C-alpha atoms as a PDB file:
ATOM      1  CA  MET A   1      -2.626 -19.388 -83.916  1.00  0.00           C
ATOM      2  CA  ALA A   2      -0.532 -19.593 -81.228  1.00  0.00           C
ATOM      3  CA  LEU A   3       2.296 -17.417 -83.151  1.00  0.00           C
ATOM      4  CA  ILE A   4      -0.243 -14.806 -84.123  1.00  0.00           C
ATOM      5  CA  GLN A   5      -1.575 -14.527 -80.487  1.00  0.00           C
ATOM      6  CA  LEU A   6       2.005 -14.530 -79.272  1.00  0.00           C
ATOM      7  CA  GLY A   7       2.776 -11.980 -81.879  1.00  0.00           C
ATOM      8  CA  LEU A   8       0.026  -9.613 -80.804  1.00  0.00           C
ATOM      9  CA  ALA A   9       0.972 -10.056 -76.768  1.00  0.00           C
ATOM     10  CA  ALA A  10       4.513  -8.732 -77.935  1.00  0.00           C
ATOM     11  CA  SER A  11       2.795  -5.940 -80.306  1.00  0.00           C
ATOM     12  CA  VAL A  12       1.038  -4.585 -76.607  1.00  0.00           C
ATOM     13  CA  GLY A  13       4.512  -4.390 -75.133  1.00  0.00           C
ATOM     14  CA  LEU A  14       5.386  -1.860 -77.290  1.00  0.00           C
ATOM     15  CA  PHE A  15       2.113   0.218 -76.783  1.00  0.00           C
ATOM     16  CA  ASP A  16       4.262   2.748 -74.246  1.00  0.00           C
ATOM     17  CA  ARG A  17       6.978   3.122 -76.649  1.00  0.00           C
ATOM     18  CA  LEU A  18       5.320   3.606 -79.816  1.00  0.00           C
ATOM     19  CA  GLY A  19       1.321   3.678 -79.135  1.00  0.00           C
ATOM     20  CA  ALA A  20      -1.114   1.476 -80.514  1.00  0.00           C
ATOM     21  CA  GLU A  21      -0.890   2.778 -84.435  1.00  0.00           C
ATOM     22  CA  GLY A  22       3.274   2.630 -84.251  1.00  0.00           C
ATOM     23  CA  ALA A  23       3.318  -1.305 -82.943  1.00  0.00           C
ATOM     24  CA  ALA A  24       0.670  -1.689 -86.030  1.00  0.00           C
ATOM     25  CA  TRP A  25       2.864  -0.087 -88.416  1.00  0.00           C
ATOM     26  CA  LEU A  26       5.996  -1.345 -87.351  1.00  0.00           C
ATOM     27  CA  ARG A  27       4.655  -4.924 -87.979  1.00  0.00           C
ATOM     28  CA  LEU A  28       2.748  -4.291 -91.540  1.00  0.00           C
ATOM     29  CA  ALA A  29       5.735  -2.131 -92.910  1.00  0.00           C
ATOM     30  CA  TRP A  30       8.712  -4.837 -92.032  1.00  0.00           C
ATOM     31  CA  ALA A  31       5.885  -7.602 -93.387  1.00  0.00           C
ATOM     32  CA  GLY A  32       5.356  -5.658 -96.666  1.00  0.00           C
ATOM     33  CA  VAL A  33       9.083  -5.580 -96.899  1.00  0.00           C
ATOM     34  CA  LEU A  34       9.919  -9.174 -96.401  1.00  0.00           C
ATOM     35  CA  LEU A  35       7.222 -10.365 -98.727  1.00  0.00           C
ATOM     36  CA  LEU A  36       8.248  -7.875-101.567  1.00  0.00           C
ATOM     37  CA  VAL A  37      12.146  -9.306-100.983  1.00  0.00           C
ATOM     38  CA  PHE A  38      10.837 -13.020-100.635  1.00  0.00           C
ATOM     39  CA  VAL A  39       8.309 -13.109-103.852  1.00  0.00           C
ATOM     40  CA  ARG A  40       9.411 -10.089-105.728  1.00  0.00           C
ATOM     41  CA  PRO A  41       5.679  -9.629-107.779  1.00  0.00           C
ATOM     42  CA  ARG A  42       5.858  -9.101-111.410  1.00  0.00           C
ATOM     43  CA  ARG A  43       3.317  -6.717-112.825  1.00  0.00           C
ATOM     44  CA  SER A  44       2.642  -9.725-115.516  1.00  0.00           C
ATOM     45  CA  TRP A  45       1.104 -11.851-112.820  1.00  0.00           C
ATOM     46  CA  TYR A  46      -2.143  -9.414-112.201  1.00  0.00           C
ATOM     47  CA  THR A  47      -4.703  -8.372-114.538  1.00  0.00           C
ATOM     48  CA  ARG A  48      -5.852  -4.783-113.847  1.00  0.00           C
ATOM     49  CA  SER A  49      -8.898  -6.079-111.932  1.00  0.00           C
ATOM     50  CA  ASP A  50      -6.448  -8.458-109.990  1.00  0.00           C
ATOM     51  CA  LEU A  51      -4.195  -5.649-108.970  1.00  0.00           C
ATOM     52  CA  LEU A  52      -6.966  -3.194-108.109  1.00  0.00           C
ATOM     53  CA  THR A  53      -8.698  -6.145-105.576  1.00  0.00           C
ATOM     54  CA  CYS A  54      -5.474  -6.727-104.012  1.00  0.00           C
ATOM     55  CA  VAL A  55      -4.644  -2.962-103.469  1.00  0.00           C
ATOM     56  CA  VAL A  56      -7.929  -2.463-101.938  1.00  0.00           C
ATOM     57  CA  LEU A  57      -7.193  -5.580 -99.767  1.00  0.00           C
ATOM     58  CA  GLY A  58      -4.135  -4.211 -98.835  1.00  0.00           C
ATOM     59  CA  VAL A  59      -6.209  -1.174 -97.332  1.00  0.00           C
ATOM     60  CA  VAL A  60      -8.380  -3.570 -95.750  1.00  0.00           C
ATOM     61  CA  THR A  61      -5.581  -5.187 -94.000  1.00  0.00           C
ATOM     62  CA  ALA A  62      -4.014  -2.181 -92.536  1.00  0.00           C
ATOM     63  CA  ALA A  63      -7.727  -0.917 -91.140  1.00  0.00           C
ATOM     64  CA  LEU A  64      -7.726  -4.262 -89.778  1.00  0.00           C
ATOM     65  CA  THR A  65      -4.547  -4.519 -87.889  1.00  0.00           C
ATOM     66  CA  MET A  66      -4.732  -1.156 -86.845  1.00  0.00           C
ATOM     67  CA  LEU A  67      -7.968  -0.957 -85.031  1.00  0.00           C
ATOM     68  CA  PHE A  68      -7.357  -4.291 -83.555  1.00  0.00           C
ATOM     69  CA  MET A  69      -4.221  -2.854 -82.152  1.00  0.00           C
ATOM     70  CA  ALA A  70      -6.144   0.122 -80.723  1.00  0.00           C
ATOM     71  CA  ALA A  71      -8.612  -2.396 -79.186  1.00  0.00           C
ATOM     72  CA  ALA A  72      -6.181  -4.410 -77.882  1.00  0.00           C
ATOM     73  CA  SER A  73      -4.734  -1.178 -75.957  1.00  0.00           C
ATOM     74  CA  ARG A  74      -7.956  -0.439 -74.373  1.00  0.00           C
ATOM     75  CA  LEU A  75      -9.458  -4.167 -73.693  1.00  0.00           C
ATOM     76  CA  PRO A  76      -8.096  -7.569 -72.560  1.00  0.00           C
ATOM     77  CA  LEU A  77      -6.572  -9.372 -75.379  1.00  0.00           C
ATOM     78  CA  GLY A  78      -9.082 -12.476 -75.278  1.00  0.00           C
ATOM     79  CA  THR A  79     -11.957  -9.275 -75.274  1.00  0.00           C
ATOM     80  CA  ALA A  80     -10.534  -7.940 -78.502  1.00  0.00           C
ATOM     81  CA  SER A  81      -9.993 -11.331 -80.244  1.00  0.00           C
ATOM     82  CA  ALA A  82     -13.593 -12.541 -79.564  1.00  0.00           C
ATOM     83  CA  LEU A  83     -15.299  -9.139 -80.416  1.00  0.00           C
ATOM     84  CA  GLU A  84     -13.105  -9.031 -83.899  1.00  0.00           C
ATOM     85  CA  PHE A  85     -13.863 -12.591 -84.410  1.00  0.00           C
ATOM     86  CA  LEU A  86     -17.583 -11.702 -85.038  1.00  0.00           C
ATOM     87  CA  GLY A  87     -16.552 -10.498 -88.466  1.00  0.00           C
ATOM     88  CA  PRO A  88     -15.519 -13.957 -89.793  1.00  0.00           C
ATOM     89  CA  LEU A  89     -18.424 -15.624 -87.637  1.00  0.00           C
ATOM     90  CA  LEU A  90     -20.906 -13.620 -89.544  1.00  0.00           C
ATOM     91  CA  VAL A  91     -19.801 -14.001 -92.910  1.00  0.00           C
ATOM     92  CA  ALA A  92     -20.199 -17.973 -92.161  1.00  0.00           C
ATOM     93  CA  ALA A  93     -23.683 -17.195 -91.030  1.00  0.00           C
ATOM     94  CA  TRP A  94     -24.492 -15.409 -93.787  1.00  0.00           C
ATOM     95  CA  ARG A  95     -23.215 -18.225 -96.567  1.00  0.00           C
ATOM     96  CA  GLY A  96     -24.962 -20.626 -94.465  1.00  0.00           C
ATOM     97  CA  ARG A  97     -28.149 -22.180 -94.968  1.00  0.00           C
ATOM     98  CA  GLY A  98     -30.843 -22.316 -92.191  1.00  0.00           C
ATOM     99  CA  PRO A  99     -29.091 -23.895 -89.089  1.00  0.00           C
ATOM    100  CA  ALA A 100     -25.769 -21.614 -89.570  1.00  0.00           C
ATOM    101  CA  ARG A 101     -28.203 -18.287 -89.262  1.00  0.00           C
ATOM    102  CA  ILE A 102     -29.040 -19.328 -85.473  1.00  0.00           C
ATOM    103  CA  TRP A 103     -25.597 -19.028 -83.988  1.00  0.00           C
ATOM    104  CA  VAL A 104     -25.747 -15.804 -84.453  1.00  0.00           C
ATOM    105  CA  LEU A 105     -27.828 -15.764 -81.310  1.00  0.00           C
ATOM    106  CA  PRO A 106     -25.211 -17.357 -79.301  1.00  0.00           C
ATOM    107  CA  ALA A 107     -22.743 -14.818 -80.596  1.00  0.00           C
ATOM    108  CA  ALA A 108     -24.670 -11.729 -79.646  1.00  0.00           C
ATOM    109  CA  ALA A 109     -25.232 -13.105 -76.116  1.00  0.00           C
ATOM    110  CA  GLY A 110     -21.435 -13.561 -75.789  1.00  0.00           C
ATOM    111  CA  VAL A 111     -20.944  -9.729 -76.984  1.00  0.00           C
ATOM    112  CA  LEU A 112     -23.169  -8.791 -74.298  1.00  0.00           C
ATOM    113  CA  LEU A 113     -21.461 -11.084 -71.480  1.00  0.00           C
ATOM    114  CA  LEU A 114     -18.247  -9.834 -72.731  1.00  0.00           C
ATOM    115  CA  THR A 115     -18.959  -6.271 -72.794  1.00  0.00           C
ATOM    116  CA  GLU A 116     -21.257  -6.079 -69.856  1.00  0.00           C
ATOM    117  CA  PRO A 117     -23.008  -3.020 -70.704  1.00  0.00           C
ATOM    118  CA  TRP A 118     -25.082  -3.119 -67.285  1.00  0.00           C
ATOM    119  CA  ARG A 119     -21.801  -2.188 -65.482  1.00  0.00           C
ATOM    120  CA  GLY A 120     -20.734   0.969 -67.404  1.00  0.00           C
ATOM    121  CA  THR A 121     -16.846  -0.741 -66.736  1.00  0.00           C
ATOM    122  CA  THR A 122     -16.041  -1.538 -70.462  1.00  0.00           C
ATOM    123  CA  ASP A 123     -14.508   0.794 -72.483  1.00  0.00           C
ATOM    124  CA  ALA A 124     -16.657   1.792 -75.296  1.00  0.00           C
ATOM    125  CA  VAL A 125     -14.063   3.175 -77.617  1.00  0.00           C
ATOM    126  CA  GLY A 126     -12.129   0.026 -77.367  1.00  0.00           C
ATOM    127  CA  VAL A 127     -15.532  -2.036 -78.280  1.00  0.00           C
ATOM    128  CA  LEU A 128     -16.262   0.130 -80.879  1.00  0.00           C
ATOM    129  CA  TYR A 129     -12.307  -0.190 -82.320  1.00  0.00           C
ATOM    130  CA  ALA A 130     -12.961  -3.972 -82.152  1.00  0.00           C
ATOM    131  CA  LEU A 131     -16.330  -4.315 -84.004  1.00  0.00           C
ATOM    132  CA  GLY A 132     -14.406  -2.294 -86.481  1.00  0.00           C
ATOM    133  CA  ALA A 133     -11.746  -4.424 -86.842  1.00  0.00           C
ATOM    134  CA  ALA A 134     -14.576  -6.938 -86.855  1.00  0.00           C
ATOM    135  CA  ALA A 135     -16.125  -5.192 -90.053  1.00  0.00           C
ATOM    136  CA  CYS A 136     -12.463  -5.182 -91.733  1.00  0.00           C
ATOM    137  CA  TRP A 137     -11.840  -8.873 -91.159  1.00  0.00           C
ATOM    138  CA  ALA A 138     -15.432  -9.839 -92.627  1.00  0.00           C
ATOM    139  CA  ALA A 139     -14.183  -7.718 -95.672  1.00  0.00           C
ATOM    140  CA  TYR A 140     -10.703  -9.294 -95.625  1.00  0.00           C
ATOM    141  CA  ILE A 141     -12.411 -12.392 -95.861  1.00  0.00           C
ATOM    142  CA  LEU A 142     -14.464 -11.685 -98.953  1.00  0.00           C
ATOM    143  CA  LEU A 143     -11.714 -10.160-100.664  1.00  0.00           C
ATOM    144  CA  THR A 144      -9.125 -13.037-100.061  1.00  0.00           C
ATOM    145  CA  GLN A 145     -11.615 -15.392-101.492  1.00  0.00           C
ATOM    146  CA  ARG A 146     -11.874 -12.976-104.812  1.00  0.00           C
ATOM    147  CA  VAL A 147      -8.119 -12.835-104.975  1.00  0.00           C
ATOM    148  CA  GLY A 148      -7.419 -16.432-104.138  1.00  0.00           C
ATOM    149  CA  ASP A 149      -9.777 -17.332-106.880  1.00  0.00           C
ATOM    150  CA  ARG A 150      -7.957 -15.302-109.589  1.00  0.00           C
ATOM    151  CA  VAL A 151      -4.275 -14.851-108.362  1.00  0.00           C
ATOM    152  CA  SER A 152      -1.827 -18.257-107.752  1.00  0.00           C
ATOM    153  CA  GLY A 153       0.026 -18.719-104.450  1.00  0.00           C
ATOM    154  CA  ILE A 154       0.997 -15.971-102.094  1.00  0.00           C
ATOM    155  CA  ARG A 155       1.268 -13.531-105.358  1.00  0.00           C
ATOM    156  CA  GLY A 156      -1.898 -11.702-103.644  1.00  0.00           C
ATOM    157  CA  LEU A 157      -0.134 -11.146-100.287  1.00  0.00           C
ATOM    158  CA  ALA A 158       2.705  -9.755-101.846  1.00  0.00           C
ATOM    159  CA  VAL A 159       1.065  -6.930-103.094  1.00  0.00           C
ATOM    160  CA  SER A 160      -1.876  -6.306-100.230  1.00  0.00           C
ATOM    161  CA  MET A 161       0.987  -6.187 -97.731  1.00  0.00           C
ATOM    162  CA  PRO A 162       3.335  -3.860 -98.987  1.00  0.00           C
ATOM    163  CA  VAL A 163      -0.191  -1.618 -99.929  1.00  0.00           C
ATOM    164  CA  ALA A 164      -1.063  -2.211 -96.045  1.00  0.00           C
ATOM    165  CA  GLY A 165       2.398  -1.319 -95.117  1.00  0.00           C
ATOM    166  CA  VAL A 166       2.166   2.526 -97.007  1.00  0.00           C
ATOM    167  CA  VAL A 167      -1.232   3.094 -95.834  1.00  0.00           C
ATOM    168  CA  ALA A 168      -0.397   2.524 -92.224  1.00  0.00           C
ATOM    169  CA  THR A 169       2.979   4.598 -92.897  1.00  0.00           C
ATOM    170  CA  LEU A 170       0.919   7.433 -93.888  1.00  0.00           C
ATOM    171  CA  VAL A 171      -1.244   7.294 -91.043  1.00  0.00           C
ATOM    172  CA  ALA A 172       1.207   6.302 -87.984  1.00  0.00           C
ATOM    173  CA  GLY A 173       4.292   7.047 -89.473  1.00  0.00           C
ATOM    174  CA  PRO A 174       4.872  11.057 -88.832  1.00  0.00           C
ATOM    175  CA  VAL A 175       4.424  10.032 -85.211  1.00  0.00           C
ATOM    176  CA  THR A 176       6.293   7.087 -84.858  1.00  0.00           C
ATOM    177  CA  LEU A 177       9.466   7.868 -86.735  1.00  0.00           C
ATOM    178  CA  PRO A 178      11.035  10.004 -84.651  1.00  0.00           C
ATOM    179  CA  ARG A 179      10.430   7.550 -81.955  1.00  0.00           C
ATOM    180  CA  LEU A 180      12.280   4.779 -83.781  1.00  0.00           C
ATOM    181  CA  THR A 181      15.438   3.126 -82.422  1.00  0.00           C
ATOM    182  CA  PRO A 182      17.477   0.248 -83.506  1.00  0.00           C
ATOM    183  CA  GLU A 183      16.307  -1.986 -80.988  1.00  0.00           C
ATOM    184  CA  LEU A 184      12.627  -1.338 -82.270  1.00  0.00           C
ATOM    185  CA  LEU A 185      13.734  -1.869 -86.054  1.00  0.00           C
ATOM    186  CA  VAL A 186      14.839  -5.332 -84.970  1.00  0.00           C
ATOM    187  CA  ILE A 187      12.046  -6.004 -82.552  1.00  0.00           C
ATOM    188  CA  GLY A 188       9.738  -5.089 -85.871  1.00  0.00           C
ATOM    189  CA  ILE A 189      11.169  -7.877 -88.019  1.00  0.00           C
ATOM    190  CA  GLY A 190      10.854 -10.686 -85.637  1.00  0.00           C
ATOM    191  CA  LEU A 191       6.692  -9.244 -85.053  1.00  0.00           C
ATOM    192  CA  ALA A 192       6.204  -9.296 -88.634  1.00  0.00           C
ATOM    193  CA  LEU A 193       7.497 -13.160 -89.103  1.00  0.00           C
ATOM    194  CA  LEU A 194       5.455 -14.022 -86.016  1.00  0.00           C
ATOM    195  CA  VAL A 195       2.556 -12.117 -88.157  1.00  0.00           C
ATOM    196  CA  PRO A 196       2.023 -13.077 -90.734  1.00  0.00           C
ATOM    197  CA  VAL A 197       4.959 -14.601 -92.615  1.00  0.00           C
ATOM    198  CA  VAL A 198       5.663 -17.777 -90.522  1.00  0.00           C
ATOM    199  CA  PRO A 199       1.808 -18.054 -89.702  1.00  0.00           C
ATOM    200  CA  PHE A 200       0.872 -17.850 -93.593  1.00  0.00           C
ATOM    201  CA  ALA A 201       3.513 -20.437 -94.605  1.00  0.00           C
ATOM    202  CA  LEU A 202       2.393 -22.727 -91.166  1.00  0.00           C
ATOM    203  CA  GLU A 203      -1.254 -22.471 -92.963  1.00  0.00           C
ATOM    204  CA  MET A 204      -0.360 -23.567 -96.320  1.00  0.00           C
ATOM    205  CA  LEU A 205       0.637 -26.775 -94.818  1.00  0.00           C
ATOM    206  CA  ALA A 206      -2.232 -27.410 -92.292  1.00  0.00           C
ATOM    207  CA  LEU A 207      -4.481 -26.856 -95.279  1.00  0.00           C
ATOM    208  CA  ARG A 208      -2.806 -29.775 -97.284  1.00  0.00           C
ATOM    209  CA  ARG A 209      -3.436 -31.796 -94.405  1.00  0.00           C
ATOM    210  CA  LEU A 210      -6.925 -30.272 -93.125  1.00  0.00           C
ATOM    211  CA  THR A 211     -10.278 -29.850 -94.705  1.00  0.00           C
ATOM    212  CA  ALA A 212     -11.597 -26.195 -94.886  1.00  0.00           C
ATOM    213  CA  ALA A 213     -14.262 -27.511 -91.953  1.00  0.00           C
ATOM    214  CA  ALA A 214     -11.434 -28.735 -89.792  1.00  0.00           C
ATOM    215  CA  PHE A 215      -9.132 -25.890 -90.320  1.00  0.00           C
ATOM    216  CA  GLY A 216     -12.089 -23.196 -89.786  1.00  0.00           C
ATOM    217  CA  THR A 217     -12.788 -25.116 -86.525  1.00  0.00           C
ATOM    218  CA  LEU A 218      -9.517 -25.055 -85.119  1.00  0.00           C
ATOM    219  CA  MET A 219      -9.457 -20.955 -86.241  1.00  0.00           C
ATOM    220  CA  SER A 220     -12.588 -20.612 -84.538  1.00  0.00           C
ATOM    221  CA  LEU A 221     -10.773 -21.242 -80.904  1.00  0.00           C
ATOM    222  CA  GLU A 222      -8.479 -18.660 -81.567  1.00  0.00           C
ATOM    223  CA  PRO A 223     -10.410 -15.911 -79.233  1.00  0.00           C
ATOM    224  CA  ALA A 224      -9.822 -19.057 -76.325  1.00  0.00           C
ATOM    225  CA  LEU A 225      -6.541 -18.741 -76.822  1.00  0.00           C
ATOM    226  CA  ALA A 226      -6.070 -15.235 -76.995  1.00  0.00           C
ATOM    227  CA  LEU A 227      -7.637 -15.458 -73.556  1.00  0.00           C
ATOM    228  CA  VAL A 228      -5.090 -17.777 -72.234  1.00  0.00           C
ATOM    229  CA  ILE A 229      -1.752 -15.836 -73.685  1.00  0.00           C
ATOM    230  CA  GLY A 230      -3.563 -12.324 -72.432  1.00  0.00           C
ATOM    231  CA  LEU A 231      -3.860 -14.458 -68.836  1.00  0.00           C
ATOM    232  CA  VAL A 232       0.107 -15.978 -68.776  1.00  0.00           C
ATOM    233  CA  LEU A 233       1.801 -13.143 -70.404  1.00  0.00           C
ATOM    234  CA  LEU A 234      -0.441  -9.889 -69.961  1.00  0.00           C
ATOM    235  CA  GLY A 235      -1.480 -10.863 -66.617  1.00  0.00           C
ATOM    236  CA  GLN A 236      -5.301 -10.270 -68.039  1.00  0.00           C
ATOM    237  CA  VAL A 237      -7.445 -12.162 -65.705  1.00  0.00           C
ATOM    238  CA  PRO A 238     -11.322 -12.489 -67.402  1.00  0.00           C
ATOM    239  CA  GLY A 239     -14.432 -12.375 -65.039  1.00  0.00           C
ATOM    240  CA  VAL A 240     -16.656 -15.340 -65.035  1.00  0.00           C
ATOM    241  CA  LEU A 241     -19.155 -13.009 -67.591  1.00  0.00           C
ATOM    242  CA  PRO A 242     -17.056 -12.337 -69.719  1.00  0.00           C
ATOM    243  CA  ALA A 243     -15.356 -15.684 -69.964  1.00  0.00           C
ATOM    244  CA  VAL A 244     -18.674 -17.118 -70.715  1.00  0.00           C
ATOM    245  CA  GLY A 245     -19.252 -15.061 -73.353  1.00  0.00           C
ATOM    246  CA  LEU A 246     -16.144 -15.592 -75.053  1.00  0.00           C
ATOM    247  CA  LEU A 247     -17.222 -19.448 -74.816  1.00  0.00           C
ATOM    248  CA  CYS A 248     -20.425 -18.429 -76.561  1.00  0.00           C
ATOM    249  CA  VAL A 249     -18.493 -16.800 -79.259  1.00  0.00           C
ATOM    250  CA  VAL A 250     -16.259 -19.503 -79.998  1.00  0.00           C
ATOM    251  CA  VAL A 251     -19.069 -21.906 -79.664  1.00  0.00           C
ATOM    252  CA  ALA A 252     -21.070 -19.848 -82.135  1.00  0.00           C
ATOM    253  CA  GLY A 253     -17.730 -19.805 -84.280  1.00  0.00           C
ATOM    254  CA  ILE A 254     -17.666 -23.563 -84.442  1.00  0.00           C
ATOM    255  CA  GLY A 255     -21.319 -24.203 -84.870  1.00  0.00           C
ATOM    256  CA  ALA A 256     -21.754 -21.624 -87.852  1.00  0.00           C
ATOM    257  CA  GLU A 257     -18.311 -22.913 -89.638  1.00  0.00           C
ATOM    258  CA  ARG A 258     -19.454 -26.420 -89.424  1.00  0.00           C
ATOM    259  CA  SER A 259     -23.039 -25.150 -91.080  1.00  0.00           C
ATOM    260  CA  GLY A 260     -21.806 -22.991 -93.675  1.00  0.00           C
ATOM    261  CA  SER A 261     -20.922 -23.603 -97.181  1.00  0.00           C
ATOM    262  CA  ARG A 262     -19.932 -22.032-100.277  1.00  0.00           C
ATOM    263  CA  THR A 263     -21.792 -22.588-103.134  1.00  0.00           C
ATOM    264  CA  ASP A 264     -20.429 -20.774-105.875  1.00  0.00           C
ATOM    265  CA  PRO A 265     -16.725 -20.560-105.138  1.00  0.00           C
ATOM    266  CA  GLY A 266     -15.306 -19.732-108.720  1.00  0.00           C
ATOM    267  CA  ALA A 267     -12.566 -20.788-110.712  1.00  0.00           C
ATOM    268  CA  PRO A 268      -8.598 -19.014-111.578  1.00  0.00           C
ATOM    269  CA  VAL A 269      -9.572 -17.200-114.663  1.00  0.00           C
ATOM    270  CA  SER A 270      -6.620 -16.774-117.315  1.00  0.00           C
ATOM    271  CA  GLU A 271      -4.677 -13.672-117.711  1.00  0.00           C
ATOM    272  CA  PRO A 272      -5.626 -11.859-121.042  1.00  0.00           C
ATOM    273  CA  THR A 273      -3.436 -12.871-124.101  1.00  0.00           C
ATOM    274  CA  ALA A 274      -1.612  -9.662-124.202  1.00  0.00           C
ATOM    275  CA  VAL A 275      -0.670 -10.207-120.842  1.00  0.00           C
ATOM    276  CA  GLN A 276       0.281 -13.665-119.705  1.00  0.00           C
ATOM    277  CA  PRO A 277      -0.504 -15.999-122.729  1.00  0.00           C
ATOM    278  CA  VAL A 278      -0.334 -19.320-120.334  1.00  0.00           C
ATOM    279  CA  ARG A 279      -3.219 -19.989-117.434  1.00  0.00           C
ATOM    280  CA  PRO A 280      -1.923 -19.377-114.199  1.00  0.00           C
ATOM    281  CA  PRO A 281      -1.722 -22.513-112.122  1.00  0.00           C
ATOM    282  CA  PRO A 282      -4.277 -22.795-109.596  1.00  0.00           C
ATOM    283  CA  PRO A 283      -3.915 -21.506-105.993  1.00  0.00           C
ATOM    284  CA  ALA A 284      -1.649 -23.128-103.798  1.00  0.00           C
ATOM    285  CA  PRO A 285      -3.055 -23.931-100.320  1.00  0.00           C
ATOM    286  CA  GLY A 286      -3.093 -21.268 -97.707  1.00  0.00           C
ATOM    287  CA  PRO A 287      -5.674 -18.952 -96.416  1.00  0.00           C
ATOM    288  CA  ALA A 288      -6.651 -17.554 -99.760  1.00  0.00           C
ATOM    289  CA  ALA A 289      -6.992 -20.536-101.483  1.00  0.00           C
ATOM    290  CA  ALA A 290      -9.052 -22.309 -98.365  1.00  0.00           C
ATOM    291  CA  ALA A 291     -12.086 -19.698 -99.246  1.00  0.00           C
ATOM    292  CA  ALA A 292     -12.216 -21.539-102.923  1.00  0.00           C
ATOM    293  CA  ARG A 293     -13.228 -24.788-100.805  1.00  0.00           C
ATOM    294  CA  PRO A 294     -16.467 -24.980 -99.097  1.00  0.00           C
ATOM    295  CA  GLY A 295     -16.770 -23.546 -96.205  1.00  0.00           C
ATOM    296  CA  PRO A 296     -15.447 -19.934 -94.972  1.00  0.00           C
ATOM    297  CA  ALA A 297     -11.530 -19.292 -94.306  1.00  0.00           C
ATOM    298  CA  PHE A 298     -10.584 -17.237 -91.529  1.00  0.00           C
ATOM    299  CA  PRO A 299      -6.984 -15.889 -92.335  1.00  0.00           C
ATOM    300  CA  SER A 300      -4.699 -14.716 -90.012  1.00  0.00           C
ATOM    301  CA  THR A 301      -2.898 -11.827 -91.677  1.00  0.00           C
ATOM    302  CA  ARG A 302      -3.735  -9.335 -88.789  1.00  0.00           C
END
């Protein structure tokens, strides 16, 4: 989580040089290249349905990243992260039974305190960008769960992230490419390692030692960590009410995660005999595989 928020804070520093969409493109493009080089995906690893799902996941990943970066260019990092976190929180509440859905109420109160609509000072466009990122994160979780059920290890990410890089290139490339310098290209490699390559590897190690509920609870603290990093590195000092609102969102996330459960995780499906005669190995622990365990996973690819 710390690497993710540090990567986001570092990306904020590129807004003046590349714009929010350019900073998002730089990171997604390099992450896609690195995963292609490291994993070298093969067509025989995927059925047609699996490949299509990975492609859709890549499109959602690009939208998630670019919308969040646009929100972070207009809102404090902690506020943008808390609003974005409503996506996985609502997924957890939706999957939960009884008490899990009650946690939507403190989350809604948190949104009101974060945005303070009665003051009229919050950037409404930034809020819409953050809520759009929240919707994409919810879709990302559901798609990652599906990919993790059917594709082993990080093979799904090895397709989805390059697709995200291509989508970001189509959207932001024409404007961003003329602004690139060798220095920015090197910075892009570092940002891609910060998010998502290294965090994904660390999450795989963490999930070998933590239950899904414990992992999800820790991930619920991410908005609070974003507030701290925004305060320390970007000088973004929150007001009292937004700070309380962020706390409401964090508490709601923890409550929904602890109450939620996945009742029908599904099982990895073997490939057709003509494509891959041997049943694929079970998914390696990681954000995608975590979705196959009880409780929602909150992947951190953005």
